[in-house]
Amino acid sequence: MELKQVEKITKALGDRNRLLILKAIRANDGNLDCSAIVTSLALAQPSVSHHIKKLTEADIILPHKEGRFYSYSINEKLLDNYVNTLKNL
């Protein structure tokens, strides 16, 4: 993994609300839609959308379109690669 990608992932993970989003997705069998994230975190929808955008731009979560709506899952392969890269720095 290139250091530029490590930096992008690290920045995306550097926010408490984004970590809570990942935790919520993991608690829901690894797949959660945006409205459920809004409900579980008690954040405004625009705020959740902002955090989801940052996580998807860093490829930490993967969007899945279902009709008009999106659900999100954690990109386990990327996170495993990220952790291994950090271990080898």
PDB file of N, CA and C in Angstrom:
ATOM      1  N   MET A   1       0.852  -1.173   0.000  1.00  0.00           N
ATOM      2  CA  MET A   1       0.000   0.000   0.000  1.00  0.00           C
ATOM      3  C   MET A   1       0.900   1.239   0.000  1.00  0.00           C
ATOM      4  N   GLU A   2       0.550   2.205  -0.825  1.00  0.00           N
ATOM      5  CA  GLU A   2       1.324   3.438  -0.916  1.00  0.00           C
ATOM      6  C   GLU A   2       1.059   4.325   0.298  1.00  0.00           C
ATOM      7  N   LEU A   3       2.054   5.107   0.672  1.00  0.00           N
ATOM      8  CA  LEU A   3       1.918   5.982   1.839  1.00  0.00           C
ATOM      9  C   LEU A   3       0.820   7.026   1.652  1.00  0.00           C
ATOM     10  N   LYS A   4       0.575   7.449   0.429  1.00  0.00           N
ATOM     11  CA  LYS A   4      -0.502   8.420   0.168  1.00  0.00           C
ATOM     12  C   LYS A   4      -1.858   7.833   0.568  1.00  0.00           C
ATOM     13  N   GLN A   5      -2.069   6.561   0.262  1.00  0.00           N
ATOM     14  CA  GLN A   5      -3.321   5.899   0.630  1.00  0.00           C
ATOM     15  C   GLN A   5      -3.398   5.689   2.143  1.00  0.00           C
ATOM     16  N   VAL A   6      -2.269   5.354   2.764  1.00  0.00           N
ATOM     17  CA  VAL A   6      -2.226   5.206   4.223  1.00  0.00           C
ATOM     18  C   VAL A   6      -2.612   6.523   4.878  1.00  0.00           C
ATOM     19  N   GLU A   7      -2.090   7.619   4.348  1.00  0.00           N
ATOM     20  CA  GLU A   7      -2.405   8.949   4.881  1.00  0.00           C
ATOM     21  C   GLU A   7      -3.900   9.252   4.751  1.00  0.00           C
ATOM     22  N   LYS A   8      -4.481   8.955   3.590  1.00  0.00           N
ATOM     23  CA  LYS A   8      -5.905   9.219   3.354  1.00  0.00           C
ATOM     24  C   LYS A   8      -6.785   8.415   4.315  1.00  0.00           C
ATOM     25  N   ILE A   9      -6.441   7.143   4.508  1.00  0.00           N
ATOM     26  CA  ILE A   9      -7.206   6.293   5.420  1.00  0.00           C
ATOM     27  C   ILE A   9      -7.068   6.790   6.849  1.00  0.00           C
ATOM     28  N   THR A  10      -5.852   7.140   7.242  1.00  0.00           N
ATOM     29  CA  THR A  10      -5.598   7.630   8.598  1.00  0.00           C
ATOM     30  C   THR A  10      -6.401   8.894   8.883  1.00  0.00           C
ATOM     31  N   LYS A  11      -6.438   9.806   7.929  1.00  0.00           N
ATOM     32  CA  LYS A  11      -7.222  11.031   8.103  1.00  0.00           C
ATOM     33  C   LYS A  11      -8.708  10.721   8.225  1.00  0.00           C
ATOM     34  N   ALA A  12      -9.186   9.790   7.409  1.00  0.00           N
ATOM     35  CA  ALA A  12     -10.606   9.433   7.455  1.00  0.00           C
ATOM     36  C   ALA A  12     -10.971   8.782   8.786  1.00  0.00           C
ATOM     37  N   LEU A  13     -10.054   8.018   9.358  1.00  0.00           N
ATOM     38  CA  LEU A  13     -10.319   7.345  10.634  1.00  0.00           C
ATOM     39  C   LEU A  13     -10.092   8.262  11.835  1.00  0.00           C
ATOM     40  N   GLY A  14      -9.607   9.467  11.589  1.00  0.00           N
ATOM     41  CA  GLY A  14      -9.270  10.384  12.669  1.00  0.00           C
ATOM     42  C   GLY A  14     -10.444  11.176  13.231  1.00  0.00           C
ATOM     43  N   ASP A  15     -11.649  10.729  12.987  1.00  0.00           N
ATOM     44  CA  ASP A  15     -12.840  11.412  13.485  1.00  0.00           C
ATOM     45  C   ASP A  15     -13.694  10.429  14.270  1.00  0.00           C
ATOM     46  N   ARG A  16     -14.115  10.830  15.445  1.00  0.00           N
ATOM     47  CA  ARG A  16     -14.900   9.955  16.325  1.00  0.00           C
ATOM     48  C   ARG A  16     -16.186   9.479  15.670  1.00  0.00           C
ATOM     49  N   ASN A  17     -16.893  10.372  14.976  1.00  0.00           N
ATOM     50  CA  ASN A  17     -18.162   9.992  14.347  1.00  0.00           C
ATOM     51  C   ASN A  17     -17.958   8.952  13.249  1.00  0.00           C
ATOM     52  N   ARG A  18     -16.859   9.034  12.527  1.00  0.00           N
ATOM     53  CA  ARG A  18     -16.580   8.045  11.491  1.00  0.00           C
ATOM     54  C   ARG A  18     -16.282   6.688  12.114  1.00  0.00           C
ATOM     55  N   LEU A  19     -15.584   6.697  13.232  1.00  0.00           N
ATOM     56  CA  LEU A  19     -15.335   5.440  13.940  1.00  0.00           C
ATOM     57  C   LEU A  19     -16.646   4.845  14.456  1.00  0.00           C
ATOM     58  N   LEU A  20     -17.544   5.706  14.913  1.00  0.00           N
ATOM     59  CA  LEU A  20     -18.856   5.231  15.371  1.00  0.00           C
ATOM     60  C   LEU A  20     -19.672   4.653  14.213  1.00  0.00           C
ATOM     61  N   ILE A  21     -19.535   5.236  13.035  1.00  0.00           N
ATOM     62  CA  ILE A  21     -20.220   4.699  11.854  1.00  0.00           C
ATOM     63  C   ILE A  21     -19.697   3.295  11.552  1.00  0.00           C
ATOM     64  N   LEU A  22     -18.384   3.116  11.586  1.00  0.00           N
ATOM     65  CA  LEU A  22     -17.801   1.792  11.355  1.00  0.00           C
ATOM     66  C   LEU A  22     -18.277   0.793  12.401  1.00  0.00           C
ATOM     67  N   LYS A  23     -18.336   1.242  13.644  1.00  0.00           N
ATOM     68  CA  LYS A  23     -18.805   0.379  14.729  1.00  0.00           C
ATOM     69  C   LYS A  23     -20.262  -0.023  14.507  1.00  0.00           C
ATOM     70  N   ALA A  24     -21.091   0.922  14.069  1.00  0.00           N
ATOM     71  CA  ALA A  24     -22.507   0.639  13.809  1.00  0.00           C
ATOM     72  C   ALA A  24     -22.659  -0.349  12.657  1.00  0.00           C
ATOM     73  N   ILE A  25     -21.871  -0.184  11.610  1.00  0.00           N
ATOM     74  CA  ILE A  25     -21.929  -1.110  10.481  1.00  0.00           C
ATOM     75  C   ILE A  25     -21.529  -2.512  10.939  1.00  0.00           C
ATOM     76  N   ARG A  26     -20.452  -2.610  11.699  1.00  0.00           N
ATOM     77  CA  ARG A  26     -19.972  -3.914  12.177  1.00  0.00           C
ATOM     78  C   ARG A  26     -21.026  -4.571  13.082  1.00  0.00           C
ATOM     79  N   ALA A  27     -21.691  -3.790  13.923  1.00  0.00           N
ATOM     80  CA  ALA A  27     -22.698  -4.330  14.843  1.00  0.00           C
ATOM     81  C   ALA A  27     -23.931  -4.839  14.102  1.00  0.00           C
ATOM     82  N   ASN A  28     -24.113  -4.390  12.874  1.00  0.00           N
ATOM     83  CA  ASN A  28     -25.281  -4.793  12.088  1.00  0.00           C
ATOM     84  C   ASN A  28     -24.887  -5.802  11.004  1.00  0.00           C
ATOM     85  N   ASP A  29     -24.101  -6.769  11.365  1.00  0.00           N
ATOM     86  CA  ASP A  29     -23.661  -7.828  10.442  1.00  0.00           C
ATOM     87  C   ASP A  29     -22.921  -7.284   9.220  1.00  0.00           C
ATOM     88  N   GLY A  30     -22.252  -6.140   9.381  1.00  0.00           N
ATOM     89  CA  GLY A  30     -21.407  -5.618   8.324  1.00  0.00           C
ATOM     90  C   GLY A  30     -22.113  -4.919   7.192  1.00  0.00           C
ATOM     91  N   ASN A  31     -23.388  -4.569   7.355  1.00  0.00           N
ATOM     92  CA  ASN A  31     -24.128  -3.895   6.295  1.00  0.00           C
ATOM     93  C   ASN A  31     -25.204  -3.010   6.920  1.00  0.00           C
ATOM     94  N   LEU A  32     -25.193  -1.726   6.568  1.00  0.00           N
ATOM     95  CA  LEU A  32     -26.140  -0.790   7.183  1.00  0.00           C
ATOM     96  C   LEU A  32     -26.480   0.301   6.193  1.00  0.00           C
ATOM     97  N   ASP A  33     -27.762   0.726   6.183  1.00  0.00           N
ATOM     98  CA  ASP A  33     -28.139   1.821   5.297  1.00  0.00           C
ATOM     99  C   ASP A  33     -28.012   3.164   6.003  1.00  0.00           C
ATOM    100  N   CYS A  34     -28.035   4.212   5.222  1.00  0.00           N
ATOM    101  CA  CYS A  34     -27.784   5.564   5.738  1.00  0.00           C
ATOM    102  C   CYS A  34     -28.795   5.971   6.804  1.00  0.00           C
ATOM    103  N   SER A  35     -30.057   5.673   6.589  1.00  0.00           N
ATOM    104  CA  SER A  35     -31.069   6.081   7.563  1.00  0.00           C
ATOM    105  C   SER A  35     -30.863   5.390   8.904  1.00  0.00           C
ATOM    106  N   ALA A  36     -30.421   4.145   8.892  1.00  0.00           N
ATOM    107  CA  ALA A  36     -30.138   3.429  10.142  1.00  0.00           C
ATOM    108  C   ALA A  36     -28.927   4.028  10.843  1.00  0.00           C
ATOM    109  N   ILE A  37     -27.962   4.494  10.071  1.00  0.00           N
ATOM    110  CA  ILE A  37     -26.794   5.161  10.659  1.00  0.00           C
ATOM    111  C   ILE A  37     -27.225   6.458  11.324  1.00  0.00           C
ATOM    112  N   VAL A  38     -28.075   7.216  10.648  1.00  0.00           N
ATOM    113  CA  VAL A  38     -28.589   8.473  11.221  1.00  0.00           C
ATOM    114  C   VAL A  38     -29.291   8.195  12.536  1.00  0.00           C
ATOM    115  N   THR A  39     -30.130   7.176  12.570  1.00  0.00           N
ATOM    116  CA  THR A  39     -30.878   6.822  13.773  1.00  0.00           C
ATOM    117  C   THR A  39     -29.966   6.350  14.895  1.00  0.00           C
ATOM    118  N   SER A  40     -29.029   5.484  14.569  1.00  0.00           N
ATOM    119  CA  SER A  40     -28.186   4.899  15.618  1.00  0.00           C
ATOM    120  C   SER A  40     -27.206   5.902  16.218  1.00  0.00           C
ATOM    121  N   LEU A  41     -26.792   6.909  15.456  1.00  0.00           N
ATOM    122  CA  LEU A  41     -25.811   7.873  15.966  1.00  0.00           C
ATOM    123  C   LEU A  41     -26.433   9.174  16.453  1.00  0.00           C
ATOM    124  N   ALA A  42     -27.709   9.359  16.208  1.00  0.00           N
ATOM    125  CA  ALA A  42     -28.396  10.596  16.592  1.00  0.00           C
ATOM    126  C   ALA A  42     -27.680  11.824  16.033  1.00  0.00           C
ATOM    127  N   LEU A  43     -27.244  11.715  14.778  1.00  0.00           N
ATOM    128  CA  LEU A  43     -26.639  12.839  14.069  1.00  0.00           C
ATOM    129  C   LEU A  43     -27.580  13.275  12.956  1.00  0.00           C
ATOM    130  N   ALA A  44     -27.445  14.515  12.536  1.00  0.00           N
ATOM    131  CA  ALA A  44     -28.252  15.008  11.430  1.00  0.00           C
ATOM    132  C   ALA A  44     -27.840  14.297  10.144  1.00  0.00           C
ATOM    133  N   GLN A  45     -28.800  14.110   9.243  1.00  0.00           N
ATOM    134  CA  GLN A  45     -28.542  13.396   7.995  1.00  0.00           C
ATOM    135  C   GLN A  45     -27.413  14.033   7.183  1.00  0.00           C
ATOM    136  N   PRO A  46     -27.334  15.373   7.055  1.00  0.00           N
ATOM    137  CA  PRO A  46     -26.218  15.956   6.303  1.00  0.00           C
ATOM    138  C   PRO A  46     -24.851  15.647   6.932  1.00  0.00           C
ATOM    139  N   SER A  47     -24.799  15.587   8.242  1.00  0.00           N
ATOM    140  CA  SER A  47     -23.551  15.262   8.925  1.00  0.00           C
ATOM    141  C   SER A  47     -23.140  13.820   8.642  1.00  0.00           C
ATOM    142  N   VAL A  48     -24.084  12.903   8.706  1.00  0.00           N
ATOM    143  CA  VAL A  48     -23.802  11.500   8.406  1.00  0.00           C
ATOM    144  C   VAL A  48     -23.354  11.362   6.948  1.00  0.00           C
ATOM    145  N   SER A  49     -24.020  12.056   6.043  1.00  0.00           N
ATOM    146  CA  SER A  49     -23.641  12.007   4.624  1.00  0.00           C
ATOM    147  C   SER A  49     -22.210  12.490   4.413  1.00  0.00           C
ATOM    148  N   HIS A  50     -21.827  13.537   5.121  1.00  0.00           N
ATOM    149  CA  HIS A  50     -20.460  14.054   5.039  1.00  0.00           C
ATOM    150  C   HIS A  50     -19.454  12.996   5.492  1.00  0.00           C
ATOM    151  N   HIS A  51     -19.724  12.363   6.626  1.00  0.00           N
ATOM    152  CA  HIS A  51     -18.803  11.358   7.155  1.00  0.00           C
ATOM    153  C   HIS A  51     -18.757  10.117   6.253  1.00  0.00           C
ATOM    154  N   ILE A  52     -19.902   9.722   5.708  1.00  0.00           N
ATOM    155  CA  ILE A  52     -19.944   8.588   4.789  1.00  0.00           C
ATOM    156  C   ILE A  52     -19.130   8.904   3.534  1.00  0.00           C
ATOM    157  N   LYS A  53     -19.241  10.134   3.053  1.00  0.00           N
ATOM    158  CA  LYS A  53     -18.473  10.536   1.876  1.00  0.00           C
ATOM    159  C   LYS A  53     -16.977  10.399   2.136  1.00  0.00           C
ATOM    160  N   LYS A  54     -16.513  10.839   3.285  1.00  0.00           N
ATOM    161  CA  LYS A  54     -15.089  10.740   3.628  1.00  0.00           C
ATOM    162  C   LYS A  54     -14.649   9.278   3.706  1.00  0.00           C
ATOM    163  N   LEU A  55     -15.491   8.421   4.303  1.00  0.00           N
ATOM    164  CA  LEU A  55     -15.157   7.008   4.430  1.00  0.00           C
ATOM    165  C   LEU A  55     -15.166   6.296   3.070  1.00  0.00           C
ATOM    166  N   THR A  56     -16.091   6.665   2.199  1.00  0.00           N
ATOM    167  CA  THR A  56     -16.128   6.029   0.875  1.00  0.00           C
ATOM    168  C   THR A  56     -14.989   6.542  -0.011  1.00  0.00           C
ATOM    169  N   GLU A  57     -14.635   7.809   0.105  1.00  0.00           N
ATOM    170  CA  GLU A  57     -13.508   8.349  -0.668  1.00  0.00           C
ATOM    171  C   GLU A  57     -12.202   7.653  -0.300  1.00  0.00           C
ATOM    172  N   ALA A  58     -12.077   7.247   0.956  1.00  0.00           N
ATOM    173  CA  ALA A  58     -10.887   6.527   1.408  1.00  0.00           C
ATOM    174  C   ALA A  58     -11.029   5.017   1.176  1.00  0.00           C
ATOM    175  N   ASP A  59     -12.137   4.593   0.590  1.00  0.00           N
ATOM    176  CA  ASP A  59     -12.439   3.175   0.308  1.00  0.00           C
ATOM    177  C   ASP A  59     -12.581   2.320   1.563  1.00  0.00           C
ATOM    178  N   ILE A  60     -12.812   2.938   2.704  1.00  0.00           N
ATOM    179  CA  ILE A  60     -12.961   2.201   3.963  1.00  0.00           C
ATOM    180  C   ILE A  60     -14.308   1.492   4.008  1.00  0.00           C
ATOM    181  N   ILE A  61     -15.332   2.160   3.478  1.00  0.00           N
ATOM    182  CA  ILE A  61     -16.641   1.512   3.352  1.00  0.00           C
ATOM    183  C   ILE A  61     -17.023   1.469   1.878  1.00  0.00           C
ATOM    184  N   LEU A  62     -17.800   0.467   1.532  1.00  0.00           N
ATOM    185  CA  LEU A  62     -18.220   0.268   0.155  1.00  0.00           C
ATOM    186  C   LEU A  62     -19.724   0.483   0.037  1.00  0.00           C
ATOM    187  N   PRO A  63     -20.155   1.330  -0.918  1.00  0.00           N
ATOM    188  CA  PRO A  63     -21.590   1.559  -1.097  1.00  0.00           C
ATOM    189  C   PRO A  63     -22.223   0.455  -1.940  1.00  0.00           C
ATOM    190  N   HIS A  64     -23.456   0.114  -1.593  1.00  0.00           N
ATOM    191  CA  HIS A  64     -24.237  -0.865  -2.343  1.00  0.00           C
ATOM    192  C   HIS A  64     -25.600  -0.248  -2.615  1.00  0.00           C
ATOM    193  N   LYS A  65     -25.901  -0.011  -3.895  1.00  0.00           N
ATOM    194  CA  LYS A  65     -27.168   0.625  -4.256  1.00  0.00           C
ATOM    195  C   LYS A  65     -28.285  -0.405  -4.281  1.00  0.00           C
ATOM    196  N   GLU A  66     -29.361  -0.068  -3.578  1.00  0.00           N
ATOM    197  CA  GLU A  66     -30.554  -0.913  -3.535  1.00  0.00           C
ATOM    198  C   GLU A  66     -31.746  -0.029  -3.868  1.00  0.00           C
ATOM    199  N   GLY A  67     -32.132  -0.028  -5.137  1.00  0.00           N
ATOM    200  CA  GLY A  67     -33.191   0.880  -5.575  1.00  0.00           C
ATOM    201  C   GLY A  67     -32.682   2.309  -5.529  1.00  0.00           C
ATOM    202  N   ARG A  68     -33.374   3.153  -4.782  1.00  0.00           N
ATOM    203  CA  ARG A  68     -32.953   4.546  -4.623  1.00  0.00           C
ATOM    204  C   ARG A  68     -32.000   4.730  -3.456  1.00  0.00           C
ATOM    205  N   PHE A  69     -31.827   3.713  -2.649  1.00  0.00           N
ATOM    206  CA  PHE A  69     -31.079   3.854  -1.406  1.00  0.00           C
ATOM    207  C   PHE A  69     -29.740   3.120  -1.459  1.00  0.00           C
ATOM    208  N   TYR A  70     -28.861   3.533  -0.579  1.00  0.00           N
ATOM    209  CA  TYR A  70     -27.552   2.909  -0.459  1.00  0.00           C
ATOM    210  C   TYR A  70     -27.401   2.266   0.913  1.00  0.00           C
ATOM    211  N   SER A  71     -26.725   1.142   0.924  1.00  0.00           N
ATOM    212  CA  SER A  71     -26.278   0.571   2.185  1.00  0.00           C
ATOM    213  C   SER A  71     -24.759   0.498   2.091  1.00  0.00           C
ATOM    214  N   TYR A  72     -24.120   0.320   3.228  1.00  0.00           N
ATOM    215  CA  TYR A  72     -22.662   0.384   3.278  1.00  0.00           C
ATOM    216  C   TYR A  72     -22.103  -0.806   4.033  1.00  0.00           C
ATOM    217  N   SER A  73     -20.971  -1.298   3.536  1.00  0.00           N
ATOM    218  CA  SER A  73     -20.259  -2.370   4.214  1.00  0.00           C
ATOM    219  C   SER A  73     -18.797  -1.960   4.371  1.00  0.00           C
ATOM    220  N   ILE A  74     -18.125  -2.594   5.307  1.00  0.00           N
ATOM    221  CA  ILE A  74     -16.724  -2.282   5.575  1.00  0.00           C
ATOM    222  C   ILE A  74     -15.844  -3.034   4.580  1.00  0.00           C
ATOM    223  N   ASN A  75     -14.865  -2.352   4.046  1.00  0.00           N
ATOM    224  CA  ASN A  75     -13.903  -2.943   3.128  1.00  0.00           C
ATOM    225  C   ASN A  75     -12.818  -3.641   3.965  1.00  0.00           C
ATOM    226  N   GLU A  76     -13.101  -4.873   4.347  1.00  0.00           N
ATOM    227  CA  GLU A  76     -12.216  -5.631   5.240  1.00  0.00           C
ATOM    228  C   GLU A  76     -10.822  -5.827   4.647  1.00  0.00           C
ATOM    229  N   LYS A  77     -10.765  -6.100   3.363  1.00  0.00           N
ATOM    230  CA  LYS A  77      -9.473  -6.328   2.705  1.00  0.00           C
ATOM    231  C   LYS A  77      -8.588  -5.089   2.815  1.00  0.00           C
ATOM    232  N   LEU A  78      -9.164  -3.922   2.577  1.00  0.00           N
ATOM    233  CA  LEU A  78      -8.406  -2.678   2.666  1.00  0.00           C
ATOM    234  C   LEU A  78      -7.910  -2.439   4.089  1.00  0.00           C
ATOM    235  N   LEU A  79      -8.781  -2.641   5.071  1.00  0.00           N
ATOM    236  CA  LEU A  79      -8.373  -2.401   6.457  1.00  0.00           C
ATOM    237  C   LEU A  79      -7.297  -3.382   6.901  1.00  0.00           C
ATOM    238  N   ASP A  80      -7.376  -4.630   6.472  1.00  0.00           N
ATOM    239  CA  ASP A  80      -6.331  -5.599   6.792  1.00  0.00           C
ATOM    240  C   ASP A  80      -5.000  -5.168   6.179  1.00  0.00           C
ATOM    241  N   ASN A  81      -5.049  -4.725   4.937  1.00  0.00           N
ATOM    242  CA  ASN A  81      -3.850  -4.252   4.254  1.00  0.00           C
ATOM    243  C   ASN A  81      -3.282  -3.014   4.949  1.00  0.00           C
ATOM    244  N   TYR A  82      -4.161  -2.129   5.381  1.00  0.00           N
ATOM    245  CA  TYR A  82      -3.768  -0.909   6.095  1.00  0.00           C
ATOM    246  C   TYR A  82      -3.035  -1.247   7.398  1.00  0.00           C
ATOM    247  N   VAL A  83      -3.602  -2.151   8.173  1.00  0.00           N
ATOM    248  CA  VAL A  83      -2.985  -2.555   9.444  1.00  0.00           C
ATOM    249  C   VAL A  83      -1.625  -3.196   9.192  1.00  0.00           C
ATOM    250  N   ASN A  84      -1.542  -4.066   8.189  1.00  0.00           N
ATOM    251  CA  ASN A  84      -0.261  -4.702   7.878  1.00  0.00           C
ATOM    252  C   ASN A  84       0.777  -3.686   7.422  1.00  0.00           C
ATOM    253  N   THR A  85       0.344  -2.693   6.664  1.00  0.00           N
ATOM    254  CA  THR A  85       1.264  -1.638   6.231  1.00  0.00           C
ATOM    255  C   THR A  85       1.784  -0.857   7.428  1.00  0.00           C
ATOM    256  N   LEU A  86       0.900  -0.539   8.362  1.00  0.00           N
ATOM    257  CA  LEU A  86       1.331   0.186   9.567  1.00  0.00           C
ATOM    258  C   LEU A  86       2.321  -0.633  10.385  1.00  0.00           C
ATOM    259  N   LYS A  87       2.092  -1.931  10.477  1.00  0.00           N
ATOM    260  CA  LYS A  87       2.997  -2.800  11.230  1.00  0.00           C
ATOM    261  C   LYS A  87       4.398  -2.820  10.620  1.00  0.00           C
ATOM    262  N   ASN A  88       4.461  -2.639   9.319  1.00  0.00           N
ATOM    263  CA  ASN A  88       5.742  -2.744   8.614  1.00  0.00           C
ATOM    264  C   ASN A  88       6.413  -1.408   8.355  1.00  0.00           C
ATOM    265  N   LEU A  89       5.904  -0.340   8.911  1.00  0.00           N
ATOM    266  CA  LEU A  89       6.549   0.970   8.723  1.00  0.00           C
ATOM    267  C   LEU A  89       7.846   1.044   9.482  1.00  0.00           C
TER     268      LEU A  89
END
